Amino acid sequence: MPSPDAVVLKGVREEPTPDDGLRVLVDRLWPRGVSKQRAALDQWAQDAAPTTALRKAFHSGELAWPQFVDAYRAELVKRPEAAAAVAELRGRALTGRVTLLFAGHDHLRSHARVLREAILGTPDPNLP
């Protein structure tokens, strides 16, 4: 499994830095107001993002954060394209740093934290 410092989280609007390593956008939708040049992406892993239905349920308040985390964890295992994306990102993290970029403003309740947990293969004690 990759070391915890091999997978880091960063808002897509934050400045790119040389120590970011592989910069991967992990949102299903392109972030508003961010140009491709500004994002400085190496990869866009849409298959690793929550499904549209799950994302909408969480943002509408239909799902609370703990229920969203459980549902997204299940998606990352059960959806073949999501599981493949996690495996590919895990492989990349074994050879260098991977920075998961996301557009949300809430860094504590971001799907990227759940995805990082899946890539590392170890539970995040700060997630429900």
C-alpha atoms as a PDB file:
ATOM      1  CA  MET A   1       0.000   0.000   0.000  1.00  0.00           C
ATOM      2  CA  PRO A   2       1.148   3.583  -0.598  1.00  0.00           C
ATOM      3  CA  SER A   3       2.445   5.662   2.290  1.00  0.00           C
ATOM      4  CA  PRO A   4       0.037   8.301   3.659  1.00  0.00           C
ATOM      5  CA  ASP A   5       2.186  11.159   2.357  1.00  0.00           C
ATOM      6  CA  ALA A   6       2.007   9.727  -1.188  1.00  0.00           C
ATOM      7  CA  VAL A   7      -1.630  10.837  -1.578  1.00  0.00           C
ATOM      8  CA  VAL A   8      -2.490  14.439  -0.710  1.00  0.00           C
ATOM      9  CA  LEU A   9      -5.591  16.582  -1.118  1.00  0.00           C
ATOM     10  CA  LYS A  10      -5.713  20.043  -2.583  1.00  0.00           C
ATOM     11  CA  GLY A  11      -8.381  22.408  -3.813  1.00  0.00           C
ATOM     12  CA  VAL A  12      -8.251  22.802  -7.587  1.00  0.00           C
ATOM     13  CA  ARG A  13      -8.123  26.587  -7.149  1.00  0.00           C
ATOM     14  CA  GLU A  14      -4.919  26.382  -5.074  1.00  0.00           C
ATOM     15  CA  GLU A  15      -1.654  27.153  -6.833  1.00  0.00           C
ATOM     16  CA  PRO A  16       0.168  24.157  -8.337  1.00  0.00           C
ATOM     17  CA  THR A  17       3.538  23.414  -6.743  1.00  0.00           C
ATOM     18  CA  PRO A  18       6.432  21.237  -7.901  1.00  0.00           C
ATOM     19  CA  ASP A  19       5.914  18.784  -5.029  1.00  0.00           C
ATOM     20  CA  ASP A  20       2.313  18.037  -6.138  1.00  0.00           C
ATOM     21  CA  GLY A  21       3.504  15.130  -8.248  1.00  0.00           C
ATOM     22  CA  LEU A  22       0.690  13.756 -10.411  1.00  0.00           C
ATOM     23  CA  ARG A  23      -2.215  16.228 -10.305  1.00  0.00           C
ATOM     24  CA  VAL A  24      -5.564  14.443 -10.662  1.00  0.00           C
ATOM     25  CA  LEU A  25      -8.975  16.107 -10.715  1.00  0.00           C
ATOM     26  CA  VAL A  26     -11.389  13.774  -8.925  1.00  0.00           C
ATOM     27  CA  ASP A  27     -14.672  15.600  -9.599  1.00  0.00           C
ATOM     28  CA  ARG A  28     -17.236  14.408 -12.119  1.00  0.00           C
ATOM     29  CA  LEU A  29     -17.920  17.964 -13.339  1.00  0.00           C
ATOM     30  CA  TRP A  30     -15.363  20.516 -14.477  1.00  0.00           C
ATOM     31  CA  PRO A  31     -15.017  23.212 -11.777  1.00  0.00           C
ATOM     32  CA  ARG A  32     -16.588  26.558 -12.644  1.00  0.00           C
ATOM     33  CA  GLY A  33     -14.232  29.413 -13.299  1.00  0.00           C
ATOM     34  CA  VAL A  34     -11.101  27.254 -13.533  1.00  0.00           C
ATOM     35  CA  SER A  35      -9.258  27.146 -16.834  1.00  0.00           C
ATOM     36  CA  LYS A  36      -7.440  24.034 -17.974  1.00  0.00           C
ATOM     37  CA  GLN A  37      -4.188  25.983 -17.818  1.00  0.00           C
ATOM     38  CA  ARG A  38      -4.856  27.135 -14.238  1.00  0.00           C
ATOM     39  CA  ALA A  39      -5.797  23.607 -13.118  1.00  0.00           C
ATOM     40  CA  ALA A  40      -2.519  22.223 -14.486  1.00  0.00           C
ATOM     41  CA  LEU A  41      -3.943  18.698 -14.540  1.00  0.00           C
ATOM     42  CA  ASP A  42      -2.136  15.547 -15.446  1.00  0.00           C
ATOM     43  CA  GLN A  43      -5.308  13.460 -15.314  1.00  0.00           C
ATOM     44  CA  TRP A  44      -9.073  13.784 -14.828  1.00  0.00           C
ATOM     45  CA  ALA A  45     -10.386  10.725 -12.980  1.00  0.00           C
ATOM     46  CA  GLN A  46     -14.136  11.172 -13.445  1.00  0.00           C
ATOM     47  CA  ASP A  47     -14.760   7.466 -12.785  1.00  0.00           C
ATOM     48  CA  ALA A  48     -13.347   7.880  -9.275  1.00  0.00           C
ATOM     49  CA  ALA A  49     -15.891  10.600  -8.424  1.00  0.00           C
ATOM     50  CA  PRO A  50     -19.253   9.892  -6.781  1.00  0.00           C
ATOM     51  CA  THR A  51     -22.075   9.176  -9.199  1.00  0.00           C
ATOM     52  CA  THR A  52     -24.293  12.091 -10.144  1.00  0.00           C
ATOM     53  CA  ALA A  53     -27.185  10.629  -8.129  1.00  0.00           C
ATOM     54  CA  LEU A  54     -25.058  10.292  -4.987  1.00  0.00           C
ATOM     55  CA  ARG A  55     -23.552  13.754  -5.376  1.00  0.00           C
ATOM     56  CA  LYS A  56     -26.992  15.336  -5.827  1.00  0.00           C
ATOM     57  CA  ALA A  57     -28.450  13.452  -2.848  1.00  0.00           C
ATOM     58  CA  PHE A  58     -25.676  14.741  -0.599  1.00  0.00           C
ATOM     59  CA  HIS A  59     -25.753  18.339  -1.826  1.00  0.00           C
ATOM     60  CA  SER A  60     -29.546  18.526  -1.570  1.00  0.00           C
ATOM     61  CA  GLY A  61     -29.424  17.376   2.062  1.00  0.00           C
ATOM     62  CA  GLU A  62     -31.161  14.074   1.307  1.00  0.00           C
ATOM     63  CA  LEU A  63     -28.057  12.284   2.650  1.00  0.00           C
ATOM     64  CA  ALA A  64     -26.144  13.377   5.728  1.00  0.00           C
ATOM     65  CA  TRP A  65     -22.334  13.263   5.651  1.00  0.00           C
ATOM     66  CA  PRO A  66     -22.030   9.840   7.402  1.00  0.00           C
ATOM     67  CA  GLN A  67     -24.539   8.253   4.986  1.00  0.00           C
ATOM     68  CA  PHE A  68     -22.781   9.841   2.009  1.00  0.00           C
ATOM     69  CA  VAL A  69     -19.422   8.444   3.179  1.00  0.00           C
ATOM     70  CA  ASP A  70     -20.891   4.923   3.505  1.00  0.00           C
ATOM     71  CA  ALA A  71     -22.595   5.121   0.106  1.00  0.00           C
ATOM     72  CA  TYR A  72     -19.483   6.464  -1.626  1.00  0.00           C
ATOM     73  CA  ARG A  73     -17.280   3.794  -0.044  1.00  0.00           C
ATOM     74  CA  ALA A  74     -19.695   1.203  -1.441  1.00  0.00           C
ATOM     75  CA  GLU A  75     -19.588   2.813  -4.902  1.00  0.00           C
ATOM     76  CA  LEU A  76     -15.791   2.733  -4.934  1.00  0.00           C
ATOM     77  CA  VAL A  77     -15.908  -1.026  -4.445  1.00  0.00           C
ATOM     78  CA  LYS A  78     -19.038  -2.041  -6.369  1.00  0.00           C
ATOM     79  CA  ARG A  79     -18.780   0.107  -9.508  1.00  0.00           C
ATOM     80  CA  PRO A  80     -16.172  -1.581 -11.738  1.00  0.00           C
ATOM     81  CA  GLU A  81     -15.006   1.709 -13.290  1.00  0.00           C
ATOM     82  CA  ALA A  82     -14.590   3.267  -9.833  1.00  0.00           C
ATOM     83  CA  ALA A  83     -12.678   0.266  -8.501  1.00  0.00           C
ATOM     84  CA  ALA A  84     -10.409   0.378 -11.570  1.00  0.00           C
ATOM     85  CA  ALA A  85      -9.780   4.106 -11.031  1.00  0.00           C
ATOM     86  CA  VAL A  86      -8.870   3.487  -7.375  1.00  0.00           C
ATOM     87  CA  ALA A  87      -6.502   0.683  -8.369  1.00  0.00           C
ATOM     88  CA  GLU A  88      -4.861   2.861 -11.035  1.00  0.00           C
ATOM     89  CA  LEU A  89      -4.397   5.763  -8.598  1.00  0.00           C
ATOM     90  CA  ARG A  90      -3.020   3.379  -5.950  1.00  0.00           C
ATOM     91  CA  GLY A  91      -0.463   2.126  -8.468  1.00  0.00           C
ATOM     92  CA  ARG A  92       0.558   5.675  -9.308  1.00  0.00           C
ATOM     93  CA  ALA A  93       0.892   6.497  -5.580  1.00  0.00           C
ATOM     94  CA  LEU A  94       3.294   3.576  -5.157  1.00  0.00           C
ATOM     95  CA  THR A  95       5.734   5.284  -7.528  1.00  0.00           C
ATOM     96  CA  GLY A  96       5.318   8.938  -6.520  1.00  0.00           C
ATOM     97  CA  ARG A  97       3.088  11.570  -5.001  1.00  0.00           C
ATOM     98  CA  VAL A  98      -0.498  11.887  -6.222  1.00  0.00           C
ATOM     99  CA  THR A  99      -2.398  15.101  -5.495  1.00  0.00           C
ATOM    100  CA  LEU A 100      -6.170  14.667  -5.578  1.00  0.00           C
ATOM    101  CA  LEU A 101      -7.770  17.931  -6.714  1.00  0.00           C
ATOM    102  CA  PHE A 102     -11.375  18.807  -5.940  1.00  0.00           C
ATOM    103  CA  ALA A 103     -13.551  21.875  -6.437  1.00  0.00           C
ATOM    104  CA  GLY A 104     -15.530  21.868  -3.191  1.00  0.00           C
ATOM    105  CA  HIS A 105     -14.886  24.533  -0.595  1.00  0.00           C
ATOM    106  CA  ASP A 106     -15.437  22.225   2.402  1.00  0.00           C
ATOM    107  CA  HIS A 107     -12.172  20.356   2.850  1.00  0.00           C
ATOM    108  CA  LEU A 108     -13.498  18.401   5.844  1.00  0.00           C
ATOM    109  CA  ARG A 109     -16.547  16.982   4.092  1.00  0.00           C
ATOM    110  CA  SER A 110     -15.049  16.293   0.694  1.00  0.00           C
ATOM    111  CA  HIS A 111     -15.464  13.088  -1.266  1.00  0.00           C
ATOM    112  CA  ALA A 112     -11.724  13.357  -1.986  1.00  0.00           C
ATOM    113  CA  ARG A 113     -11.025  12.349   1.640  1.00  0.00           C
ATOM    114  CA  VAL A 114     -13.040   9.155   1.158  1.00  0.00           C
ATOM    115  CA  LEU A 115     -11.262   8.480  -2.137  1.00  0.00           C
ATOM    116  CA  ARG A 116      -7.868   9.016  -0.479  1.00  0.00           C
ATOM    117  CA  GLU A 117      -8.829   6.459   2.162  1.00  0.00           C
ATOM    118  CA  ALA A 118      -9.699   3.937  -0.568  1.00  0.00           C
ATOM    119  CA  ILE A 119      -6.450   4.566  -2.451  1.00  0.00           C
ATOM    120  CA  LEU A 120      -4.362   4.142   0.702  1.00  0.00           C
ATOM    121  CA  GLY A 121      -6.330   1.045   1.739  1.00  0.00           C
ATOM    122  CA  THR A 122      -6.459   2.147   5.375  1.00  0.00           C
ATOM    123  CA  PRO A 123      -9.338   3.677   7.323  1.00  0.00           C
ATOM    124  CA  ASP A 124      -9.224   7.408   7.929  1.00  0.00           C
ATOM    125  CA  PRO A 125      -9.961   7.896  11.650  1.00  0.00           C
ATOM    126  CA  ASN A 126     -11.412  11.343  10.880  1.00  0.00           C
ATOM    127  CA  LEU A 127     -14.150   9.956   8.629  1.00  0.00           C
ATOM    128  CA  PRO A 128     -17.436   8.595  10.007  1.00  0.00           C
END
